N, C-alpha and C. Protein backbone atom coordinates (compact mmCIF):
# COMPACT_ATOMS: atom_id res chain seq x y z
N MET A 1 -1.65 9.23 -9.31
CA MET A 1 -1.90 7.73 -8.42
C MET A 1 -3.31 7.22 -8.73
N PRO A 2 -3.19 6.10 -9.27
CA PRO A 2 -4.53 5.27 -9.29
C PRO A 2 -5.73 5.34 -8.36
N HIS A 3 -7.10 5.28 -8.33
CA HIS A 3 -7.89 4.89 -7.64
C HIS A 3 -7.83 3.59 -6.82
N SER A 4 -8.69 3.80 -5.59
CA SER A 4 -8.65 2.56 -5.35
C SER A 4 -9.67 1.69 -5.65
N ASN A 5 -9.29 0.42 -5.47
CA ASN A 5 -9.92 -1.00 -5.99
C ASN A 5 -11.56 -0.92 -5.38
N ILE A 6 -12.58 -1.51 -5.79
CA ILE A 6 -13.68 -1.93 -4.90
C ILE A 6 -13.90 -3.00 -4.19
N SER A 7 -12.48 -3.96 -4.14
CA SER A 7 -12.42 -5.20 -2.96
C SER A 7 -10.93 -5.18 -2.80
N ARG A 8 -10.81 -5.92 -1.79
CA ARG A 8 -9.04 -6.21 -1.17
C ARG A 8 -8.37 -7.43 -2.25
N ALA A 9 -9.40 -8.09 -2.89
CA ALA A 9 -8.76 -9.18 -3.65
C ALA A 9 -7.63 -8.95 -4.41
N PRO A 10 -7.54 -7.81 -5.26
CA PRO A 10 -6.22 -7.45 -5.76
C PRO A 10 -4.96 -7.50 -5.28
N ARG A 11 -5.05 -6.42 -3.96
CA ARG A 11 -4.30 -6.16 -3.40
C ARG A 11 -3.73 -7.18 -2.49
N GLN A 12 -4.47 -7.86 -1.99
CA GLN A 12 -3.99 -9.14 -1.15
C GLN A 12 -3.23 -10.10 -2.01
N ASN A 13 -3.74 -10.67 -3.13
CA ASN A 13 -2.65 -11.25 -4.33
C ASN A 13 -1.97 -10.94 -4.60
N LEU A 14 -1.28 -9.34 -4.61
CA LEU A 14 -0.25 -8.73 -4.88
C LEU A 14 0.67 -8.91 -3.42
N THR A 15 -0.06 -8.72 -2.55
CA THR A 15 0.80 -9.12 -1.35
C THR A 15 1.42 -10.45 -1.48
N GLU A 16 0.86 -11.30 -1.44
CA GLU A 16 1.12 -12.83 -1.54
C GLU A 16 2.23 -12.89 -2.67
N ARG A 17 2.03 -12.20 -3.88
CA ARG A 17 3.29 -12.20 -4.70
C ARG A 17 4.48 -11.57 -4.10
N VAL A 18 4.34 -10.53 -3.74
CA VAL A 18 5.41 -9.69 -2.93
C VAL A 18 6.30 -10.87 -2.09
N LEU A 19 5.34 -11.12 -1.00
CA LEU A 19 5.69 -12.02 -0.01
C LEU A 19 6.48 -13.36 -0.89
N GLN A 20 5.77 -14.05 -1.77
CA GLN A 20 6.85 -15.27 -2.55
C GLN A 20 7.90 -14.78 -2.92
N ALA A 21 7.84 -13.57 -3.38
CA ALA A 21 8.86 -13.20 -4.24
C ALA A 21 10.20 -12.57 -3.53
N LYS A 22 9.85 -12.25 -2.16
CA LYS A 22 10.68 -11.78 -1.16
C LYS A 22 11.62 -13.05 -0.72
N THR A 23 10.75 -14.11 -0.56
CA THR A 23 11.44 -15.36 0.17
C THR A 23 12.03 -15.90 -0.95
N ALA A 24 11.44 -16.01 -2.12
CA ALA A 24 12.52 -16.49 -2.94
C ALA A 24 13.57 -16.35 -3.41
N LYS A 25 14.13 -14.58 -3.60
CA LYS A 25 15.01 -14.18 -3.67
C LYS A 25 16.08 -13.67 -2.40
N ASN A 26 15.33 -14.45 -1.23
CA ASN A 26 15.86 -13.74 0.10
C ASN A 26 16.43 -12.33 -0.03
N LEU A 27 15.54 -11.84 -0.30
CA LEU A 27 15.43 -10.21 0.26
C LEU A 27 15.08 -9.65 1.64
N THR A 28 15.59 -8.50 2.04
CA THR A 28 14.81 -7.96 3.12
C THR A 28 14.14 -6.79 2.87
N TRP A 29 13.60 -6.17 4.14
CA TRP A 29 12.58 -5.23 3.60
C TRP A 29 13.26 -3.91 3.75
N ALA A 30 14.48 -4.05 4.26
CA ALA A 30 15.35 -2.85 4.52
C ALA A 30 16.24 -2.79 2.83
N GLY A 31 16.56 -3.79 2.34
CA GLY A 31 17.11 -4.04 0.92
C GLY A 31 16.08 -3.64 -0.37
N LEU A 32 14.73 -3.73 0.03
CA LEU A 32 13.67 -3.46 -0.95
C LEU A 32 13.43 -1.71 -0.70
N ALA A 33 13.73 -1.44 0.55
CA ALA A 33 13.51 0.01 0.70
C ALA A 33 14.68 1.16 0.37
N GLU A 34 15.72 -0.01 0.12
CA GLU A 34 17.22 0.78 0.11
C GLU A 34 17.03 1.82 -1.60
N GLY A 35 17.61 2.93 -1.24
CA GLY A 35 17.72 3.73 -2.24
C GLY A 35 16.28 4.58 -2.58
N THR A 36 14.90 3.87 -2.09
CA THR A 36 13.73 4.87 -2.49
C THR A 36 13.48 6.10 -1.90
N GLY A 37 14.09 6.41 -0.96
CA GLY A 37 13.84 7.76 -0.36
C GLY A 37 12.72 7.64 0.56
N LEU A 38 12.42 6.39 0.74
CA LEU A 38 11.18 6.31 1.99
C LEU A 38 11.58 5.35 2.97
N SER A 39 10.82 5.57 4.31
CA SER A 39 11.49 4.78 5.36
C SER A 39 11.15 3.39 4.92
N VAL A 40 11.93 2.51 5.60
CA VAL A 40 11.67 0.95 5.70
C VAL A 40 10.38 0.57 6.05
N VAL A 41 9.82 1.37 7.18
CA VAL A 41 8.52 1.08 7.77
C VAL A 41 7.54 1.47 6.56
N TYR A 42 7.92 2.56 6.06
CA TYR A 42 6.84 2.90 5.18
C TYR A 42 6.45 1.66 3.82
N VAL A 43 7.91 1.60 3.04
CA VAL A 43 7.98 0.82 2.04
C VAL A 43 7.45 -0.98 2.64
N THR A 44 7.70 -1.39 3.95
CA THR A 44 7.25 -2.62 4.25
C THR A 44 5.84 -2.49 4.28
N ALA A 45 4.99 -1.60 4.96
CA ALA A 45 3.65 -1.23 5.22
C ALA A 45 2.60 -1.28 3.61
N ALA A 46 3.56 -0.50 2.57
CA ALA A 46 3.16 -0.51 1.35
C ALA A 46 3.19 -1.88 0.66
N LEU A 47 4.25 -2.74 0.62
CA LEU A 47 4.47 -3.96 0.43
C LEU A 47 3.39 -4.86 0.95
N LEU A 48 2.92 -4.53 1.88
CA LEU A 48 2.17 -5.75 2.76
C LEU A 48 0.53 -4.85 2.22
N GLY A 49 0.20 -4.31 1.49
CA GLY A 49 -1.00 -3.55 1.14
C GLY A 49 -1.63 -2.52 2.29
N GLN A 50 -0.94 -1.58 2.74
CA GLN A 50 -1.51 -0.94 3.65
C GLN A 50 -1.22 0.73 3.13
N HIS A 51 -0.38 0.75 1.86
CA HIS A 51 -0.08 2.44 1.65
C HIS A 51 0.11 2.21 0.28
N PRO A 52 0.18 3.23 -0.35
CA PRO A 52 0.53 3.31 -2.07
C PRO A 52 1.90 3.84 -2.09
N LEU A 53 2.45 3.34 -3.18
CA LEU A 53 3.78 3.86 -3.37
C LEU A 53 3.75 4.44 -4.76
N PRO A 54 4.64 5.97 -4.67
CA PRO A 54 4.82 6.42 -5.61
C PRO A 54 5.31 5.83 -7.15
N GLU A 55 5.45 6.27 -8.21
CA GLU A 55 5.24 5.73 -9.04
C GLU A 55 6.86 4.99 -9.42
N ALA A 56 7.67 5.90 -9.25
CA ALA A 56 9.27 5.63 -9.36
C ALA A 56 9.84 4.54 -8.27
N VAL A 57 9.15 4.64 -6.90
CA VAL A 57 9.42 3.51 -6.24
C VAL A 57 8.73 2.74 -6.02
N ALA A 58 7.67 2.31 -6.76
CA ALA A 58 7.14 1.22 -7.25
C ALA A 58 7.65 0.15 -8.12
N GLU A 59 7.99 0.89 -9.20
CA GLU A 59 9.18 0.57 -10.53
C GLU A 59 10.41 -0.18 -9.82
N VAL A 60 10.74 0.47 -8.93
CA VAL A 60 12.30 0.13 -7.81
C VAL A 60 12.02 -1.35 -7.46
N VAL A 61 10.94 -1.14 -6.76
CA VAL A 61 10.47 -2.55 -5.77
C VAL A 61 10.08 -3.74 -6.52
N ALA A 62 9.22 -3.40 -7.60
CA ALA A 62 8.98 -4.69 -8.57
C ALA A 62 10.01 -5.10 -9.43
N GLU A 63 10.88 -4.20 -9.92
CA GLU A 63 12.14 -4.67 -10.46
C GLU A 63 12.75 -5.50 -9.83
N ARG A 64 12.88 -5.04 -8.24
CA ARG A 64 13.92 -5.97 -7.36
C ARG A 64 13.02 -7.59 -6.82
N LEU A 65 11.68 -7.39 -7.04
CA LEU A 65 10.89 -8.80 -6.64
C LEU A 65 10.62 -9.28 -7.80
N GLY A 66 11.13 -8.69 -9.24
CA GLY A 66 10.46 -9.50 -10.35
C GLY A 66 9.13 -9.42 -10.79
N LEU A 67 8.54 -8.64 -10.62
CA LEU A 67 7.14 -8.24 -10.43
C LEU A 67 6.68 -7.72 -12.05
N ASP A 68 5.62 -7.63 -12.49
CA ASP A 68 5.54 -6.94 -13.87
C ASP A 68 4.79 -5.75 -13.69
N ARG A 69 4.39 -5.25 -15.03
CA ARG A 69 4.00 -4.09 -14.97
C ARG A 69 2.43 -3.75 -13.97
N ASP A 70 1.56 -4.53 -14.18
CA ASP A 70 0.75 -4.37 -13.69
C ASP A 70 0.58 -4.62 -12.02
N ALA A 71 1.69 -5.22 -11.53
CA ALA A 71 2.05 -5.10 -10.22
C ALA A 71 2.35 -3.57 -9.65
N VAL A 72 3.06 -2.98 -10.85
CA VAL A 72 3.38 -1.62 -10.88
C VAL A 72 2.50 -0.75 -10.73
N ALA A 73 1.52 -1.34 -11.41
CA ALA A 73 0.50 -0.12 -11.32
C ALA A 73 -0.60 -0.33 -9.81
N GLU A 74 -0.84 -1.58 -9.34
CA GLU A 74 -1.80 -2.12 -8.38
C GLU A 74 -0.58 -1.60 -7.11
N LEU A 75 0.88 -1.49 -6.92
CA LEU A 75 1.30 -0.83 -6.31
C LEU A 75 1.34 0.91 -5.59
N GLN A 76 0.80 1.71 -6.66
CA GLN A 76 0.27 2.64 -6.87
C GLN A 76 -0.96 3.44 -6.30
N THR A 77 -1.83 2.09 -6.29
CA THR A 77 -3.23 2.37 -5.71
C THR A 77 -3.25 2.48 -4.73
N ILE A 78 -4.50 3.03 -4.13
CA ILE A 78 -4.53 3.71 -2.80
C ILE A 78 -5.64 2.20 -2.11
N PRO A 79 -5.26 1.48 -1.27
CA PRO A 79 -5.65 0.51 -1.03
C PRO A 79 -6.73 0.62 -0.02
N LEU A 80 -7.70 0.00 0.15
CA LEU A 80 -8.61 -0.64 0.99
C LEU A 80 -8.19 -0.81 2.47
N ARG A 81 -7.87 -0.22 3.22
CA ARG A 81 -7.14 -0.42 4.62
C ARG A 81 -7.77 -1.62 5.71
N GLY A 82 -7.16 -1.97 6.16
CA GLY A 82 -7.82 -2.86 7.60
C GLY A 82 -7.95 -4.20 7.00
N ASN A 83 -7.75 -5.02 7.52
CA ASN A 83 -7.63 -6.71 7.51
C ASN A 83 -8.47 -7.56 7.69
N VAL A 84 -10.04 -6.77 8.25
CA VAL A 84 -11.09 -7.91 8.95
C VAL A 84 -12.09 -6.79 8.00
N GLU A 85 -12.72 -7.50 7.33
CA GLU A 85 -14.13 -6.95 6.43
C GLU A 85 -15.20 -6.11 7.12
N ASP A 86 -15.56 -6.93 8.28
CA ASP A 86 -16.44 -6.64 9.14
C ASP A 86 -16.41 -5.18 9.87
N VAL A 87 -15.36 -5.46 10.16
CA VAL A 87 -15.01 -3.79 11.11
C VAL A 87 -13.65 -3.15 10.32
N SER A 88 -14.24 -1.63 9.89
CA SER A 88 -13.55 -0.85 9.40
C SER A 88 -12.33 -0.47 10.49
N ASN A 89 -10.96 -0.32 9.64
CA ASN A 89 -9.75 0.23 10.71
C ASN A 89 -9.30 1.40 9.83
N ASP A 90 -9.70 1.61 9.04
CA ASP A 90 -9.27 2.90 8.48
C ASP A 90 -9.71 4.10 9.05
N PRO A 91 -8.89 4.95 9.65
CA PRO A 91 -9.26 6.11 10.07
C PRO A 91 -10.07 7.14 9.67
N THR A 92 -10.02 7.43 8.11
CA THR A 92 -10.71 8.14 7.53
C THR A 92 -12.31 7.35 7.55
N ILE A 93 -12.85 6.34 7.73
CA ILE A 93 -13.98 5.99 7.86
C ILE A 93 -14.55 5.66 9.43
N TYR A 94 -13.39 5.20 10.18
CA TYR A 94 -13.91 5.05 11.50
C TYR A 94 -14.32 5.91 12.58
N ARG A 95 -13.72 7.26 11.98
CA ARG A 95 -14.06 8.63 12.69
C ARG A 95 -15.72 8.74 12.79
């Protein structure tokens, strides 16, 4: 699994691409998670930038969304979690 990025920008850009592709292809979160062996909640959170995906799952969802190899790699990257940069929400850092 690739290491985390230094900034949130790459993952945020990917999340925008995921949402655009999901809408354009009229896909559901359940449909994207189907056959991955992971819960709909986990796959949804991962695609929204809050968790990494295993390589095989990243490849499956990227294919369904029509995303490139760079997106597959980014989906496997450990994200910087939390949406507000001024306040950390990551439980590992927050404690």
